[in-house]
Amino acid sequence: MSFLRRVHAEGAGTEANRMTTIVRNMMADKRFTDAIEDMVDASKTAITYAHISHNEHMLQFNTLCLNFFQAIQQKKENEAIDAAHDLVKAGHGKAFGLA
């Protein structure tokens, strides 16, 4: 069962509890964690390209993604939850099933 289906099945409650549940499920999902290094690398590459092309929106999105991915990679749950909230606040939460 994917982390998104588990969240819906649990009826996650408040927004903060929902976000915590989603992040915890992502951190426990082997398919997601197996791909996390590639996602970190992709974000770093996109940040480099955003600097070169002077694309502030791309830079913002990929910086937020990098923060989120690195926190998950380092198994720092609280930092990952904070980074997830930052993604949602910036309007990018749907890209990861956070909003």
N, C-alpha and C. Protein backbone atom coordinates (compact mmCIF):
# COMPACT_ATOMS: atom_id res chain seq x y z
N MET A 1 0.85 -1.17 0.00
CA MET A 1 0.00 0.00 0.00
C MET A 1 0.90 1.24 0.00
N SER A 2 0.61 2.18 -0.86
CA SER A 2 1.42 3.40 -0.93
C SER A 2 1.16 4.29 0.27
N PHE A 3 2.08 5.23 0.51
CA PHE A 3 1.92 6.13 1.66
C PHE A 3 0.67 6.99 1.52
N LEU A 4 0.27 7.33 0.30
CA LEU A 4 -0.93 8.15 0.13
C LEU A 4 -2.18 7.38 0.50
N ARG A 5 -2.26 6.11 0.10
CA ARG A 5 -3.43 5.32 0.44
C ARG A 5 -3.52 5.10 1.94
N ARG A 6 -2.39 4.91 2.61
CA ARG A 6 -2.40 4.72 4.05
C ARG A 6 -2.93 5.95 4.76
N VAL A 7 -2.56 7.13 4.29
CA VAL A 7 -3.03 8.37 4.91
C VAL A 7 -4.54 8.47 4.79
N HIS A 8 -5.06 8.21 3.60
CA HIS A 8 -6.50 8.29 3.40
C HIS A 8 -7.23 7.24 4.23
N ALA A 9 -6.66 6.06 4.34
CA ALA A 9 -7.29 4.98 5.09
C ALA A 9 -7.34 5.30 6.58
N GLU A 10 -6.34 6.01 7.08
CA GLU A 10 -6.29 6.33 8.50
C GLU A 10 -7.15 7.53 8.85
N GLY A 11 -7.61 8.30 7.89
CA GLY A 11 -8.40 9.50 8.16
C GLY A 11 -7.61 10.48 9.01
N ALA A 12 -6.48 10.83 8.60
CA ALA A 12 -5.41 11.48 9.33
C ALA A 12 -5.73 12.61 10.30
N GLY A 13 -6.94 13.10 10.36
CA GLY A 13 -7.26 14.11 11.38
C GLY A 13 -6.83 15.50 11.00
N THR A 14 -6.22 16.21 11.95
CA THR A 14 -5.82 17.60 11.72
C THR A 14 -4.76 17.70 10.64
N GLU A 15 -4.60 18.89 10.11
CA GLU A 15 -3.61 19.12 9.05
C GLU A 15 -2.21 18.77 9.51
N ALA A 16 -1.84 19.15 10.75
CA ALA A 16 -0.51 18.85 11.27
C ALA A 16 -0.32 17.34 11.40
N ASN A 17 -1.34 16.64 11.90
CA ASN A 17 -1.25 15.19 12.03
C ASN A 17 -1.17 14.53 10.65
N ARG A 18 -1.92 15.06 9.72
CA ARG A 18 -1.92 14.53 8.36
C ARG A 18 -0.54 14.66 7.74
N MET A 19 0.07 15.83 7.88
CA MET A 19 1.40 16.07 7.32
C MET A 19 2.43 15.13 7.97
N THR A 20 2.36 14.99 9.28
CA THR A 20 3.27 14.10 10.00
C THR A 20 3.11 12.66 9.51
N THR A 21 1.87 12.25 9.33
CA THR A 21 1.60 10.88 8.86
C THR A 21 2.16 10.67 7.47
N ILE A 22 1.95 11.62 6.58
CA ILE A 22 2.45 11.50 5.21
C ILE A 22 3.97 11.40 5.20
N VAL A 23 4.63 12.29 5.94
CA VAL A 23 6.10 12.29 5.96
C VAL A 23 6.62 10.99 6.56
N ARG A 24 6.03 10.54 7.64
CA ARG A 24 6.46 9.27 8.25
C ARG A 24 6.29 8.11 7.28
N ASN A 25 5.18 8.10 6.56
CA ASN A 25 4.94 7.03 5.59
C ASN A 25 5.95 7.10 4.44
N MET A 26 6.29 8.30 4.01
CA MET A 26 7.31 8.44 2.96
C MET A 26 8.64 7.89 3.45
N MET A 27 8.99 8.24 4.69
CA MET A 27 10.27 7.81 5.25
C MET A 27 10.32 6.30 5.45
N ALA A 28 9.17 5.67 5.57
CA ALA A 28 9.11 4.22 5.77
C ALA A 28 8.92 3.45 4.46
N ASP A 29 8.61 4.16 3.39
CA ASP A 29 8.35 3.52 2.10
C ASP A 29 9.67 3.21 1.40
N LYS A 30 9.99 1.93 1.26
CA LYS A 30 11.28 1.52 0.69
C LYS A 30 11.45 2.02 -0.74
N ARG A 31 10.39 2.01 -1.52
CA ARG A 31 10.51 2.50 -2.90
C ARG A 31 10.89 3.97 -2.92
N PHE A 32 10.30 4.75 -2.01
CA PHE A 32 10.61 6.17 -1.95
C PHE A 32 12.04 6.40 -1.47
N THR A 33 12.42 5.71 -0.40
CA THR A 33 13.77 5.92 0.15
C THR A 33 14.85 5.37 -0.78
N ASP A 34 14.52 4.34 -1.55
CA ASP A 34 15.49 3.83 -2.54
C ASP A 34 15.77 4.86 -3.63
N ALA A 35 14.80 5.71 -3.91
CA ALA A 35 14.95 6.70 -4.97
C ALA A 35 15.42 8.06 -4.46
N ILE A 36 15.55 8.21 -3.15
CA ILE A 36 15.81 9.54 -2.58
C ILE A 36 17.14 10.13 -3.04
N GLU A 37 18.16 9.31 -3.19
CA GLU A 37 19.46 9.83 -3.65
C GLU A 37 19.35 10.43 -5.05
N ASP A 38 18.59 9.77 -5.92
CA ASP A 38 18.38 10.30 -7.27
C ASP A 38 17.60 11.61 -7.23
N MET A 39 16.63 11.72 -6.31
CA MET A 39 15.85 12.95 -6.19
C MET A 39 16.71 14.10 -5.67
N VAL A 40 17.62 13.80 -4.73
CA VAL A 40 18.54 14.81 -4.23
C VAL A 40 19.43 15.29 -5.39
N ASP A 41 19.98 14.35 -6.14
CA ASP A 41 20.84 14.71 -7.28
C ASP A 41 20.08 15.54 -8.32
N ALA A 42 18.84 15.16 -8.60
CA ALA A 42 18.04 15.90 -9.58
C ALA A 42 17.77 17.32 -9.10
N SER A 43 17.48 17.48 -7.82
CA SER A 43 17.23 18.82 -7.27
C SER A 43 18.48 19.68 -7.35
N LYS A 44 19.63 19.10 -7.04
CA LYS A 44 20.89 19.85 -7.12
C LYS A 44 21.18 20.29 -8.55
N THR A 45 20.94 19.40 -9.49
CA THR A 45 21.16 19.73 -10.90
C THR A 45 20.20 20.83 -11.34
N ALA A 46 18.94 20.72 -10.93
CA ALA A 46 17.95 21.74 -11.29
C ALA A 46 18.28 23.09 -10.66
N ILE A 47 18.83 23.09 -9.46
CA ILE A 47 19.24 24.34 -8.82
C ILE A 47 20.36 24.99 -9.61
N THR A 48 21.31 24.20 -10.06
CA THR A 48 22.41 24.72 -10.88
C THR A 48 21.87 25.34 -12.16
N TYR A 49 20.96 24.61 -12.81
CA TYR A 49 20.36 25.13 -14.04
C TYR A 49 19.54 26.40 -13.79
N ALA A 50 18.82 26.43 -12.67
CA ALA A 50 18.02 27.61 -12.33
C ALA A 50 18.90 28.84 -12.15
N HIS A 51 20.06 28.64 -11.54
CA HIS A 51 21.00 29.76 -11.39
C HIS A 51 21.48 30.26 -12.76
N ILE A 52 21.84 29.31 -13.62
CA ILE A 52 22.34 29.66 -14.95
C ILE A 52 21.28 30.39 -15.77
N SER A 53 20.04 29.92 -15.67
CA SER A 53 18.97 30.49 -16.49
C SER A 53 18.23 31.63 -15.79
N HIS A 54 18.66 31.97 -14.58
CA HIS A 54 18.04 33.05 -13.80
C HIS A 54 16.54 32.83 -13.61
N ASN A 55 16.18 31.58 -13.33
CA ASN A 55 14.78 31.21 -13.14
C ASN A 55 14.51 31.08 -11.64
N GLU A 56 13.97 32.14 -11.06
CA GLU A 56 13.75 32.19 -9.61
C GLU A 56 12.71 31.18 -9.13
N HIS A 57 11.68 30.94 -9.94
CA HIS A 57 10.64 29.98 -9.55
C HIS A 57 11.20 28.57 -9.49
N MET A 58 12.00 28.23 -10.49
CA MET A 58 12.64 26.92 -10.52
C MET A 58 13.61 26.78 -9.35
N LEU A 59 14.32 27.83 -9.06
CA LEU A 59 15.27 27.82 -7.95
C LEU A 59 14.54 27.61 -6.62
N GLN A 60 13.45 28.34 -6.42
CA GLN A 60 12.69 28.21 -5.18
C GLN A 60 12.15 26.79 -5.02
N PHE A 61 11.50 26.28 -6.05
CA PHE A 61 10.91 24.94 -5.98
C PHE A 61 11.97 23.89 -5.67
N ASN A 62 13.06 23.91 -6.40
CA ASN A 62 14.07 22.87 -6.23
C ASN A 62 14.86 23.02 -4.93
N THR A 63 14.98 24.23 -4.42
CA THR A 63 15.60 24.42 -3.11
C THR A 63 14.72 23.83 -2.02
N LEU A 64 13.42 24.07 -2.11
CA LEU A 64 12.49 23.48 -1.16
C LEU A 64 12.50 21.95 -1.25
N CYS A 65 12.52 21.44 -2.48
CA CYS A 65 12.58 19.99 -2.67
C CYS A 65 13.86 19.40 -2.09
N LEU A 66 14.96 20.06 -2.34
CA LEU A 66 16.24 19.58 -1.82
C LEU A 66 16.23 19.52 -0.30
N ASN A 67 15.71 20.55 0.33
CA ASN A 67 15.62 20.54 1.80
C ASN A 67 14.79 19.36 2.28
N PHE A 68 13.67 19.12 1.63
CA PHE A 68 12.77 18.02 1.98
C PHE A 68 13.46 16.67 1.77
N PHE A 69 14.04 16.48 0.60
CA PHE A 69 14.69 15.21 0.28
C PHE A 69 15.88 14.92 1.19
N GLN A 70 16.69 15.93 1.46
CA GLN A 70 17.85 15.71 2.32
C GLN A 70 17.45 15.37 3.75
N ALA A 71 16.40 15.99 4.23
CA ALA A 71 15.92 15.66 5.58
C ALA A 71 15.44 14.21 5.64
N ILE A 72 14.75 13.77 4.61
CA ILE A 72 14.31 12.37 4.56
C ILE A 72 15.51 11.45 4.44
N GLN A 73 16.45 11.81 3.58
CA GLN A 73 17.64 10.99 3.38
C GLN A 73 18.43 10.83 4.68
N GLN A 74 18.49 11.89 5.47
CA GLN A 74 19.24 11.86 6.73
C GLN A 74 18.39 11.37 7.89
N LYS A 75 17.14 10.96 7.58
CA LYS A 75 16.21 10.43 8.58
C LYS A 75 15.94 11.42 9.72
N LYS A 76 15.82 12.69 9.34
CA LYS A 76 15.51 13.76 10.30
C LYS A 76 14.04 14.12 10.14
N GLU A 77 13.21 13.42 10.89
CA GLU A 77 11.76 13.53 10.73
C GLU A 77 11.24 14.95 10.93
N ASN A 78 11.66 15.60 12.02
CA ASN A 78 11.15 16.96 12.29
C ASN A 78 11.54 17.93 11.19
N GLU A 79 12.77 17.82 10.69
CA GLU A 79 13.20 18.69 9.59
C GLU A 79 12.42 18.38 8.32
N ALA A 80 12.13 17.11 8.08
CA ALA A 80 11.36 16.72 6.90
C ALA A 80 9.94 17.28 6.99
N ILE A 81 9.35 17.23 8.18
CA ILE A 81 8.00 17.77 8.36
C ILE A 81 8.01 19.28 8.15
N ASP A 82 9.01 19.96 8.69
CA ASP A 82 9.13 21.41 8.47
C ASP A 82 9.29 21.73 6.98
N ALA A 83 10.13 20.95 6.30
CA ALA A 83 10.34 21.16 4.86
C ALA A 83 9.06 20.88 4.07
N ALA A 84 8.29 19.89 4.52
CA ALA A 84 7.00 19.60 3.87
C ALA A 84 6.05 20.77 4.03
N HIS A 85 6.01 21.35 5.22
CA HIS A 85 5.17 22.52 5.45
C HIS A 85 5.61 23.68 4.55
N ASP A 86 6.91 23.86 4.38
CA ASP A 86 7.43 24.92 3.51
C ASP A 86 6.98 24.70 2.06
N LEU A 87 7.01 23.44 1.62
CA LEU A 87 6.55 23.13 0.26
C LEU A 87 5.07 23.49 0.10
N VAL A 88 4.27 23.14 1.09
CA VAL A 88 2.84 23.45 1.04
C VAL A 88 2.61 24.95 1.04
N LYS A 89 3.30 25.67 1.92
CA LYS A 89 3.15 27.13 1.99
C LYS A 89 3.49 27.81 0.67
N ALA A 90 4.47 27.24 -0.04
CA ALA A 90 4.89 27.82 -1.31
C ALA A 90 3.99 27.37 -2.47
N GLY A 91 3.00 26.52 -2.17
CA GLY A 91 2.08 26.07 -3.21
C GLY A 91 2.53 24.84 -3.98
N HIS A 92 3.50 24.11 -3.45
CA HIS A 92 4.04 22.95 -4.15
C HIS A 92 3.71 21.63 -3.47
N GLY A 93 2.84 21.65 -2.50
CA GLY A 93 2.53 20.45 -1.73
C GLY A 93 1.90 19.34 -2.55
N LYS A 94 1.09 19.68 -3.55
CA LYS A 94 0.42 18.66 -4.35
C LYS A 94 1.42 17.80 -5.12
N ALA A 95 2.57 18.35 -5.43
CA ALA A 95 3.59 17.58 -6.17
C ALA A 95 4.04 16.35 -5.39
N PHE A 96 3.85 16.37 -4.07
CA PHE A 96 4.28 15.26 -3.23
C PHE A 96 3.14 14.65 -2.42
N GLY A 97 1.92 14.99 -2.77
CA GLY A 97 0.78 14.47 -2.04
C GLY A 97 0.63 15.05 -0.65
N LEU A 98 1.19 16.23 -0.43
CA LEU A 98 1.17 16.87 0.88
C LEU A 98 -0.03 17.79 1.08
N ALA A 99 -0.62 18.22 -0.02
CA ALA A 99 -1.74 19.18 0.09
C ALA A 99 -2.98 18.62 -0.56
